Amino acid sequence: MFFSTIFSAAALLVAEASAHGAVTSYVIGGTTYPGYTGFSPSSSPPSIQRQWPDYNPTMTVTSKSVMCNGGTSAKLVATVAAGSKITAKWAQWTHQQGPVMVWMYPCAGDFTACDGSGKKWFKIDQEGMTASPSERYRVGNSKGV
């Protein structure tokens, strides 16, 4: 059975509250969607990703900023067929890499009003520090998670 769900690409969280990085593109069902680039996400083209104000880390895990650094709703959507592969790619990582987790949030209806609140977040992948030394920089080398 085929069905689709609309997603606004979501917060990118890492295990340490002080760590941070950025997804610069997504590959969903074989289609590439841009994320944000540079140190000023507001100057990037429209994206399926929530826009955050800057690359500064979220220092408190209980802060609302943990949801995309307090970002605004995405301008675009991606249709995801059931069973499709979703890959988040990083090309910007400003520090020694630690554990990485990628979370998403479903936005039904008016996704521009989607604020990421509530218990709808779901994890699509994670990479721990148990990776081999050559794989520890996988995210920073623009390999997908």
C-alpha atoms as a PDB file:
ATOM      1  CA  MET A   1       0.000   0.000   0.000  1.00  0.00           C
ATOM      2  CA  PHE A   2       1.336   3.425  -0.945  1.00  0.00           C
ATOM      3  CA  PHE A   3       0.687   6.523   1.067  1.00  0.00           C
ATOM      4  CA  SER A   4       2.509   9.749   1.595  1.00  0.00           C
ATOM      5  CA  THR A   5       3.115  11.959   4.557  1.00  0.00           C
ATOM      6  CA  ILE A   6       4.212  15.577   4.489  1.00  0.00           C
ATOM      7  CA  PHE A   7       7.225  16.348   6.617  1.00  0.00           C
ATOM      8  CA  SER A   8       8.935  19.533   7.514  1.00  0.00           C
ATOM      9  CA  ALA A   9      12.517  18.425   8.096  1.00  0.00           C
ATOM     10  CA  ALA A  10      13.201  18.726  11.733  1.00  0.00           C
ATOM     11  CA  ALA A  11      15.530  19.470  14.549  1.00  0.00           C
ATOM     12  CA  LEU A  12      18.965  17.998  14.541  1.00  0.00           C
ATOM     13  CA  LEU A  13      19.980  17.061  18.024  1.00  0.00           C
ATOM     14  CA  VAL A  14      23.172  15.681  19.442  1.00  0.00           C
ATOM     15  CA  ALA A  15      23.696  13.941  22.745  1.00  0.00           C
ATOM     16  CA  GLU A  16      25.633  16.785  24.312  1.00  0.00           C
ATOM     17  CA  ALA A  17      23.612  19.964  24.717  1.00  0.00           C
ATOM     18  CA  SER A  18      26.603  22.124  23.859  1.00  0.00           C
ATOM     19  CA  ALA A  19      27.361  20.373  20.552  1.00  0.00           C
ATOM     20  CA  HIS A  20      25.994  21.544  17.228  1.00  0.00           C
ATOM     21  CA  GLY A  21      26.192  21.153  13.479  1.00  0.00           C
ATOM     22  CA  ALA A  22      23.968  21.639  10.459  1.00  0.00           C
ATOM     23  CA  VAL A  23      22.295  19.563   7.793  1.00  0.00           C
ATOM     24  CA  THR A  24      23.092  21.116   4.417  1.00  0.00           C
ATOM     25  CA  SER A  25      20.922  18.797   2.298  1.00  0.00           C
ATOM     26  CA  TYR A  26      18.477  15.904   2.449  1.00  0.00           C
ATOM     27  CA  VAL A  27      17.936  13.003   0.060  1.00  0.00           C
ATOM     28  CA  ILE A  28      14.368  11.700   0.348  1.00  0.00           C
ATOM     29  CA  GLY A  29      13.256   8.865  -1.889  1.00  0.00           C
ATOM     30  CA  GLY A  30      16.077   9.699  -4.320  1.00  0.00           C
ATOM     31  CA  THR A  31      15.280  13.442  -4.535  1.00  0.00           C
ATOM     32  CA  THR A  32      17.775  15.945  -3.079  1.00  0.00           C
ATOM     33  CA  TYR A  33      16.425  18.924  -1.123  1.00  0.00           C
ATOM     34  CA  PRO A  34      18.685  21.768   0.036  1.00  0.00           C
ATOM     35  CA  GLY A  35      19.182  22.502   3.716  1.00  0.00           C
ATOM     36  CA  TYR A  36      20.944  25.648   4.904  1.00  0.00           C
ATOM     37  CA  THR A  37      24.476  26.699   4.084  1.00  0.00           C
ATOM     38  CA  GLY A  38      26.925  29.204   5.483  1.00  0.00           C
ATOM     39  CA  PHE A  39      26.738  30.843   8.871  1.00  0.00           C
ATOM     40  CA  SER A  40      23.583  32.805   8.072  1.00  0.00           C
ATOM     41  CA  PRO A  41      20.685  30.440   7.370  1.00  0.00           C
ATOM     42  CA  SER A  42      18.448  33.426   6.562  1.00  0.00           C
ATOM     43  CA  SER A  43      20.497  34.043   3.387  1.00  0.00           C
ATOM     44  CA  SER A  44      19.979  30.460   2.151  1.00  0.00           C
ATOM     45  CA  PRO A  45      17.269  29.501  -0.389  1.00  0.00           C
ATOM     46  CA  PRO A  46      13.859  28.222   0.816  1.00  0.00           C
ATOM     47  CA  SER A  47      14.108  24.729   2.274  1.00  0.00           C
ATOM     48  CA  ILE A  48      12.126  21.838   3.752  1.00  0.00           C
ATOM     49  CA  GLN A  49      14.152  22.464   6.907  1.00  0.00           C
ATOM     50  CA  ARG A  50      13.073  24.735   9.721  1.00  0.00           C
ATOM     51  CA  GLN A  51      15.175  27.885   9.701  1.00  0.00           C
ATOM     52  CA  TRP A  52      17.220  28.563  12.804  1.00  0.00           C
ATOM     53  CA  PRO A  53      18.675  31.982  13.702  1.00  0.00           C
ATOM     54  CA  ASP A  54      22.354  30.949  13.867  1.00  0.00           C
ATOM     55  CA  TYR A  55      24.814  28.099  14.462  1.00  0.00           C
ATOM     56  CA  ASN A  56      25.194  28.797  18.172  1.00  0.00           C
ATOM     57  CA  PRO A  57      24.723  25.699  20.327  1.00  0.00           C
ATOM     58  CA  THR A  58      21.728  25.061  22.542  1.00  0.00           C
ATOM     59  CA  MET A  59      23.210  24.857  26.026  1.00  0.00           C
ATOM     60  CA  THR A  60      20.162  23.527  27.924  1.00  0.00           C
ATOM     61  CA  VAL A  61      18.267  20.430  26.780  1.00  0.00           C
ATOM     62  CA  THR A  62      15.063  21.667  28.445  1.00  0.00           C
ATOM     63  CA  SER A  63      15.114  24.910  26.417  1.00  0.00           C
ATOM     64  CA  LYS A  64      12.596  25.400  23.578  1.00  0.00           C
ATOM     65  CA  SER A  65      15.678  26.193  21.467  1.00  0.00           C
ATOM     66  CA  VAL A  66      16.428  22.468  21.323  1.00  0.00           C
ATOM     67  CA  MET A  67      13.835  22.393  18.497  1.00  0.00           C
ATOM     68  CA  CYS A  68      16.002  23.762  15.651  1.00  0.00           C
ATOM     69  CA  ASN A  69      17.553  26.449  17.846  1.00  0.00           C
ATOM     70  CA  GLY A  70      14.165  28.151  18.140  1.00  0.00           C
ATOM     71  CA  GLY A  71      13.753  28.269  14.356  1.00  0.00           C
ATOM     72  CA  THR A  72      10.784  29.184  12.214  1.00  0.00           C
ATOM     73  CA  SER A  73       8.602  26.883  10.124  1.00  0.00           C
ATOM     74  CA  ALA A  74       9.900  25.500   6.847  1.00  0.00           C
ATOM     75  CA  LYS A  75       8.940  27.239   3.601  1.00  0.00           C
ATOM     76  CA  LEU A  76       8.760  24.020   1.527  1.00  0.00           C
ATOM     77  CA  VAL A  77       7.639  20.409   2.044  1.00  0.00           C
ATOM     78  CA  ALA A  78       8.797  17.013   0.844  1.00  0.00           C
ATOM     79  CA  THR A  79       6.380  14.178   0.124  1.00  0.00           C
ATOM     80  CA  VAL A  80       7.700  10.950   1.609  1.00  0.00           C
ATOM     81  CA  ALA A  81       6.352   7.606   0.424  1.00  0.00           C
ATOM     82  CA  ALA A  82       6.072   4.856   3.034  1.00  0.00           C
ATOM     83  CA  GLY A  83       9.345   2.949   3.187  1.00  0.00           C
ATOM     84  CA  SER A  84      11.378   5.660   1.449  1.00  0.00           C
ATOM     85  CA  LYS A  85      14.958   6.239   2.527  1.00  0.00           C
ATOM     86  CA  ILE A  86      15.639   9.618   4.180  1.00  0.00           C
ATOM     87  CA  THR A  87      19.266  10.785   4.367  1.00  0.00           C
ATOM     88  CA  ALA A  88      20.402  13.938   6.183  1.00  0.00           C
ATOM     89  CA  LYS A  89      23.805  15.250   5.036  1.00  0.00           C
ATOM     90  CA  TRP A  90      26.133  17.554   6.915  1.00  0.00           C
ATOM     91  CA  ALA A  91      28.874  19.648   5.340  1.00  0.00           C
ATOM     92  CA  GLN A  92      29.409  22.014   8.274  1.00  0.00           C
ATOM     93  CA  TRP A  93      30.669  20.810  11.642  1.00  0.00           C
ATOM     94  CA  THR A  94      32.634  23.243  13.758  1.00  0.00           C
ATOM     95  CA  HIS A  95      34.078  21.042  16.488  1.00  0.00           C
ATOM     96  CA  GLN A  96      35.237  17.577  17.497  1.00  0.00           C
ATOM     97  CA  GLN A  97      32.372  15.295  16.635  1.00  0.00           C
ATOM     98  CA  GLY A  98      30.407  13.484  19.292  1.00  0.00           C
ATOM     99  CA  PRO A  99      27.254  11.360  19.082  1.00  0.00           C
ATOM    100  CA  VAL A 100      24.750  12.563  16.460  1.00  0.00           C
ATOM    101  CA  MET A 101      20.986  11.994  16.271  1.00  0.00           C
ATOM    102  CA  VAL A 102      18.598  13.060  13.512  1.00  0.00           C
ATOM    103  CA  TRP A 103      14.987  13.711  14.465  1.00  0.00           C
ATOM    104  CA  MET A 104      11.950  14.658  12.371  1.00  0.00           C
ATOM    105  CA  TYR A 105       8.487  16.001  13.100  1.00  0.00           C
ATOM    106  CA  PRO A 106       5.325  15.431  11.005  1.00  0.00           C
ATOM    107  CA  CYS A 107       3.487  18.598  10.003  1.00  0.00           C
ATOM    108  CA  ALA A 108      -0.028  17.955   8.736  1.00  0.00           C
ATOM    109  CA  GLY A 109      -2.113  20.668   7.112  1.00  0.00           C
ATOM    110  CA  ASP A 110      -0.707  24.189   7.348  1.00  0.00           C
ATOM    111  CA  PHE A 111       2.972  23.372   7.829  1.00  0.00           C
ATOM    112  CA  THR A 112       3.888  27.070   7.995  1.00  0.00           C
ATOM    113  CA  ALA A 113       2.205  27.142  11.402  1.00  0.00           C
ATOM    114  CA  CYS A 114       3.955  23.966  12.565  1.00  0.00           C
ATOM    115  CA  ASP A 115       5.989  24.862  15.648  1.00  0.00           C
ATOM    116  CA  GLY A 116       7.441  21.466  16.591  1.00  0.00           C
ATOM    117  CA  SER A 117       5.689  21.371  19.954  1.00  0.00           C
ATOM    118  CA  GLY A 118       4.309  18.227  21.534  1.00  0.00           C
ATOM    119  CA  LYS A 119       5.339  14.595  21.466  1.00  0.00           C
ATOM    120  CA  LYS A 120       5.379  13.925  17.713  1.00  0.00           C
ATOM    121  CA  TRP A 121       9.170  13.936  17.229  1.00  0.00           C
ATOM    122  CA  PHE A 122      10.681  10.674  15.950  1.00  0.00           C
ATOM    123  CA  LYS A 123      14.290   9.662  15.440  1.00  0.00           C
ATOM    124  CA  ILE A 124      15.386   8.499  11.977  1.00  0.00           C
ATOM    125  CA  ASP A 125      19.043   7.768  12.760  1.00  0.00           C
ATOM    126  CA  GLN A 126      21.908   8.082  15.194  1.00  0.00           C
ATOM    127  CA  GLU A 127      25.663   7.651  15.157  1.00  0.00           C
ATOM    128  CA  GLY A 128      27.500   6.977  18.397  1.00  0.00           C
ATOM    129  CA  MET A 129      31.120   7.265  19.416  1.00  0.00           C
ATOM    130  CA  THR A 130      31.513   3.506  18.985  1.00  0.00           C
ATOM    131  CA  ALA A 131      32.300   4.071  15.298  1.00  0.00           C
ATOM    132  CA  SER A 132      35.801   3.285  14.071  1.00  0.00           C
ATOM    133  CA  PRO A 133      38.260   6.225  14.043  1.00  0.00           C
ATOM    134  CA  SER A 134      37.894   6.606  10.264  1.00  0.00           C
ATOM    135  CA  GLU A 135      34.104   6.855  10.601  1.00  0.00           C
ATOM    136  CA  ARG A 136      34.031   9.378  13.462  1.00  0.00           C
ATOM    137  CA  TYR A 137      34.167  12.251  10.987  1.00  0.00           C
ATOM    138  CA  ARG A 138      31.513  10.716   8.742  1.00  0.00           C
ATOM    139  CA  VAL A 139      29.064  13.544   9.392  1.00  0.00           C
ATOM    140  CA  GLY A 140      31.632  16.313   8.970  1.00  0.00           C
ATOM    141  CA  ASN A 141      32.807  14.762   5.707  1.00  0.00           C
ATOM    142  CA  SER A 142      29.315  15.245   4.221  1.00  0.00           C
ATOM    143  CA  LYS A 143      28.395  11.591   4.448  1.00  0.00           C
ATOM    144  CA  GLY A 144      24.771  11.034   5.294  1.00  0.00           C
ATOM    145  CA  VAL A 145      23.264   9.681   8.453  1.00  0.00           C
END
